[in-house]
Every structure is written in C-alpha cells, then in structure tokens.
C-alpha atoms as a PDB file:
ATOM      1  CA  MET A   1      13.779 -17.740   7.611  1.00  0.00           C
ATOM      2  CA  GLN A   2      14.204 -14.906   5.114  1.00  0.00           C
ATOM      3  CA  THR A   3      11.836 -11.971   5.108  1.00  0.00           C
ATOM      4  CA  SER A   4      10.061 -11.863   1.767  1.00  0.00           C
ATOM      5  CA  VAL A   5       9.362  -8.615  -0.063  1.00  0.00           C
ATOM      6  CA  TYR A   6       7.014  -7.964  -2.963  1.00  0.00           C
ATOM      7  CA  CYS A   7       7.669  -4.808  -4.995  1.00  0.00           C
ATOM      8  CA  ALA A   8       5.277  -2.967  -7.283  1.00  0.00           C
ATOM      9  CA  SER A   9       5.540   0.257  -9.220  1.00  0.00           C
ATOM     10  CA  ILE A  10       2.987   2.608 -10.740  1.00  0.00           C
ATOM     11  CA  GLY A  11       3.891   5.297 -13.214  1.00  0.00           C
ATOM     12  CA  CYS A  12       6.850   6.338 -15.240  1.00  0.00           C
ATOM     13  CA  ARG A  13       9.938   4.516 -16.418  1.00  0.00           C
ATOM     14  CA  THR A  14      11.925   6.138 -13.589  1.00  0.00           C
ATOM     15  CA  ASN A  15       9.633   4.546 -10.998  1.00  0.00           C
ATOM     16  CA  GLN A  16      10.090   1.166 -12.681  1.00  0.00           C
ATOM     17  CA  GLU A  17      13.860   1.537 -12.677  1.00  0.00           C
ATOM     18  CA  GLU A  18      13.851   2.661  -9.032  1.00  0.00           C
ATOM     19  CA  ILE A  19      11.877  -0.398  -7.923  1.00  0.00           C
ATOM     20  CA  ALA A  20      14.204  -2.703  -9.880  1.00  0.00           C
ATOM     21  CA  LEU A  21      17.212  -1.099  -8.163  1.00  0.00           C
ATOM     22  CA  LEU A  22      15.496  -1.473  -4.806  1.00  0.00           C
ATOM     23  CA  GLU A  23      14.867  -5.188  -5.468  1.00  0.00           C
ATOM     24  CA  ARG A  24      18.552  -5.716  -6.259  1.00  0.00           C
ATOM     25  CA  GLY A  25      19.518  -3.948  -3.043  1.00  0.00           C
ATOM     26  CA  LEU A  26      17.055  -6.016  -1.026  1.00  0.00           C
ATOM     27  CA  CYS A  27      18.467  -9.242  -2.494  1.00  0.00           C
ATOM     28  CA  ALA A  28      21.996  -8.130  -1.659  1.00  0.00           C
ATOM     29  CA  ALA A  29      20.843  -7.424   1.917  1.00  0.00           C
ATOM     30  CA  GLY A  30      19.474 -10.956   2.305  1.00  0.00           C
ATOM     31  CA  PHE A  31      15.773 -10.453   1.621  1.00  0.00           C
ATOM     32  CA  ALA A  32      13.833 -12.815  -0.620  1.00  0.00           C
ATOM     33  CA  ILE A  33      11.831 -11.267  -3.460  1.00  0.00           C
ATOM     34  CA  ALA A  34       8.297 -12.687  -3.451  1.00  0.00           C
ATOM     35  CA  ALA A  35       6.740 -13.598  -6.788  1.00  0.00           C
ATOM     36  CA  ALA A  36       3.272 -12.724  -5.478  1.00  0.00           C
ATOM     37  CA  ALA A  37       1.997 -10.253  -2.910  1.00  0.00           C
ATOM     38  CA  ALA A  38       0.021 -12.937  -1.090  1.00  0.00           C
ATOM     39  CA  SER A  39       3.239 -14.638   0.060  1.00  0.00           C
ATOM     40  CA  ALA A  40       5.099 -11.470   1.098  1.00  0.00           C
ATOM     41  CA  ASP A  41       5.937 -10.246   4.579  1.00  0.00           C
ATOM     42  CA  ILE A  42       6.532  -6.719   3.281  1.00  0.00           C
ATOM     43  CA  ILE A  43       5.133  -4.978   0.206  1.00  0.00           C
ATOM     44  CA  ILE A  44       6.773  -1.905  -1.289  1.00  0.00           C
ATOM     45  CA  VAL A  45       4.787   0.260  -3.697  1.00  0.00           C
ATOM     46  CA  ASN A  46       6.547   3.011  -5.624  1.00  0.00           C
ATOM     47  CA  SER A  47       3.616   5.368  -6.216  1.00  0.00           C
ATOM     48  CA  CYS A  48       2.707   7.995  -8.774  1.00  0.00           C
ATOM     49  CA  SER A  49       0.547  11.095  -8.645  1.00  0.00           C
ATOM     50  CA  VAL A  50       1.428  12.848 -11.898  1.00  0.00           C
ATOM     51  CA  THR A  51      -2.177  12.574 -13.072  1.00  0.00           C
ATOM     52  CA  ALA A  52      -5.471  11.857 -11.340  1.00  0.00           C
ATOM     53  CA  ALA A  53      -5.589   8.554 -13.231  1.00  0.00           C
ATOM     54  CA  ALA A  54      -2.164   7.515 -11.921  1.00  0.00           C
ATOM     55  CA  GLU A  55      -3.129   8.492  -8.383  1.00  0.00           C
ATOM     56  CA  GLY A  56      -6.324   6.447  -8.669  1.00  0.00           C
ATOM     57  CA  LYS A  57      -4.377   3.492 -10.016  1.00  0.00           C
ATOM     58  CA  THR A  58      -2.009   3.696  -7.040  1.00  0.00           C
ATOM     59  CA  ARG A  59      -4.924   3.787  -4.592  1.00  0.00           C
ATOM     60  CA  ARG A  60      -6.608   0.794  -6.247  1.00  0.00           C
ATOM     61  CA  LEU A  61      -3.340  -1.141  -6.159  1.00  0.00           C
ATOM     62  CA  LEU A  62      -2.896  -0.419  -2.444  1.00  0.00           C
ATOM     63  CA  GLN A  63      -6.431  -1.625  -1.730  1.00  0.00           C
ATOM     64  CA  ALA A  64      -5.933  -4.800  -3.769  1.00  0.00           C
ATOM     65  CA  LEU A  65      -2.602  -5.561  -2.094  1.00  0.00           C
ATOM     66  CA  ALA A  66      -4.035  -5.057   1.401  1.00  0.00           C
ATOM     67  CA  ARG A  67      -6.817  -7.532   0.562  1.00  0.00           C
ATOM     68  CA  ALA A  68      -4.506 -10.051  -1.107  1.00  0.00           C
ATOM     69  CA  ALA A  69      -1.900  -9.987   1.667  1.00  0.00           C
ATOM     70  CA  PRO A  70      -3.479  -8.979   4.990  1.00  0.00           C
ATOM     71  CA  GLN A  71      -0.429 -10.314   6.848  1.00  0.00           C
ATOM     72  CA  ALA A  72       1.982  -7.999   5.015  1.00  0.00           C
ATOM     73  CA  ARG A  73       3.099  -4.561   6.074  1.00  0.00           C
ATOM     74  CA  ILE A  74       3.029  -2.085   3.201  1.00  0.00           C
ATOM     75  CA  ALA A  75       5.575   0.648   2.520  1.00  0.00           C
ATOM     76  CA  VAL A  76       4.650   3.403   0.081  1.00  0.00           C
ATOM     77  CA  THR A  77       7.322   5.473  -1.666  1.00  0.00           C
ATOM     78  CA  GLY A  78       7.326   7.856  -4.608  1.00  0.00           C
ATOM     79  CA  CYS A  79       5.303  10.882  -5.670  1.00  0.00           C
ATOM     80  CA  LEU A  80       2.032  10.150  -3.889  1.00  0.00           C
ATOM     81  CA  ALA A  81       3.910   9.286  -0.702  1.00  0.00           C
ATOM     82  CA  GLN A  82       5.692  12.611  -0.901  1.00  0.00           C
ATOM     83  CA  GLN A  83       2.494  14.591  -1.444  1.00  0.00           C
ATOM     84  CA  LYS A  84       0.043  12.812   0.887  1.00  0.00           C
ATOM     85  CA  PRO A  85       1.969  10.906   3.572  1.00  0.00           C
ATOM     86  CA  ARG A  86      -0.540  11.343   6.402  1.00  0.00           C
ATOM     87  CA  GLU A  87      -3.448  10.214   4.245  1.00  0.00           C
ATOM     88  CA  LEU A  88      -1.582   7.092   3.155  1.00  0.00           C
ATOM     89  CA  LEU A  89      -0.665   6.133   6.725  1.00  0.00           C
ATOM     90  CA  GLY A  90      -4.367   5.786   7.418  1.00  0.00           C
ATOM     91  CA  TRP A  91      -4.866   3.156   4.725  1.00  0.00           C
ATOM     92  CA  PRO A  92      -5.260  -0.521   5.706  1.00  0.00           C
ATOM     93  CA  GLY A  93      -1.934  -2.333   5.780  1.00  0.00           C
ATOM     94  CA  VAL A  94       0.206   0.761   5.221  1.00  0.00           C
ATOM     95  CA  ALA A  95       2.920   0.803   7.886  1.00  0.00           C
ATOM     96  CA  TRP A  96       5.493   3.148   6.326  1.00  0.00           C
ATOM     97  CA  VAL A  97       5.437   6.115   3.970  1.00  0.00           C
ATOM     98  CA  ALA A  98       8.656   7.546   2.553  1.00  0.00           C
ATOM     99  CA  GLY A  99       8.447  10.304  -0.039  1.00  0.00           C
END
C-alpha cells in the first residue's frame, strides 16, 4: 500500500512552486498524492511568516488539518518553520519541522 501525502502551501508564489516541485518528487519516489487531507498519511505544509496575517493563516491551517486528519503526521516547512521550529513541534499532529 502506498503512503499518501497531502501538500498545502501558504504565502507567496515561490512557496506554491516549491510545494508543486515537492509533489512531483514525492510521486517519482512512489508516494501517492492525496486529494484531501482527511485521507492522507502525511501532510506537508509549506508555511509563511512574512506578515502577521500570513502567520495566522498558517496556524489556522495547521489546526484545521490536525482536526480533519488526526491519523496523519504533519511536516511543516518554509518561513515559519525556520523561525519558530520548537513552537511548531508542540502543535497537535506536527511530527517534523524543517526550515
């Protein structure tokens, strides 16, 4: 059975392009890309912290994903992960943080 991964991105065009590249790499490595978080084994969120609004949006997304997919392990990447890794590791569902 393939491990399924759901990817989400908050923020700039670069973050969106990075998550698309990551999805292609995951597919090439044999992972299945989940259409919805609820069916994913792993969730990857490419975060943003350029503004307080973007940081808040990232936090709300992480909370919503943890509720929607309690079985999934969440990985957080991007700006917020780089700035506040220890804080993020304390969030429900967050298993990995990579800035």
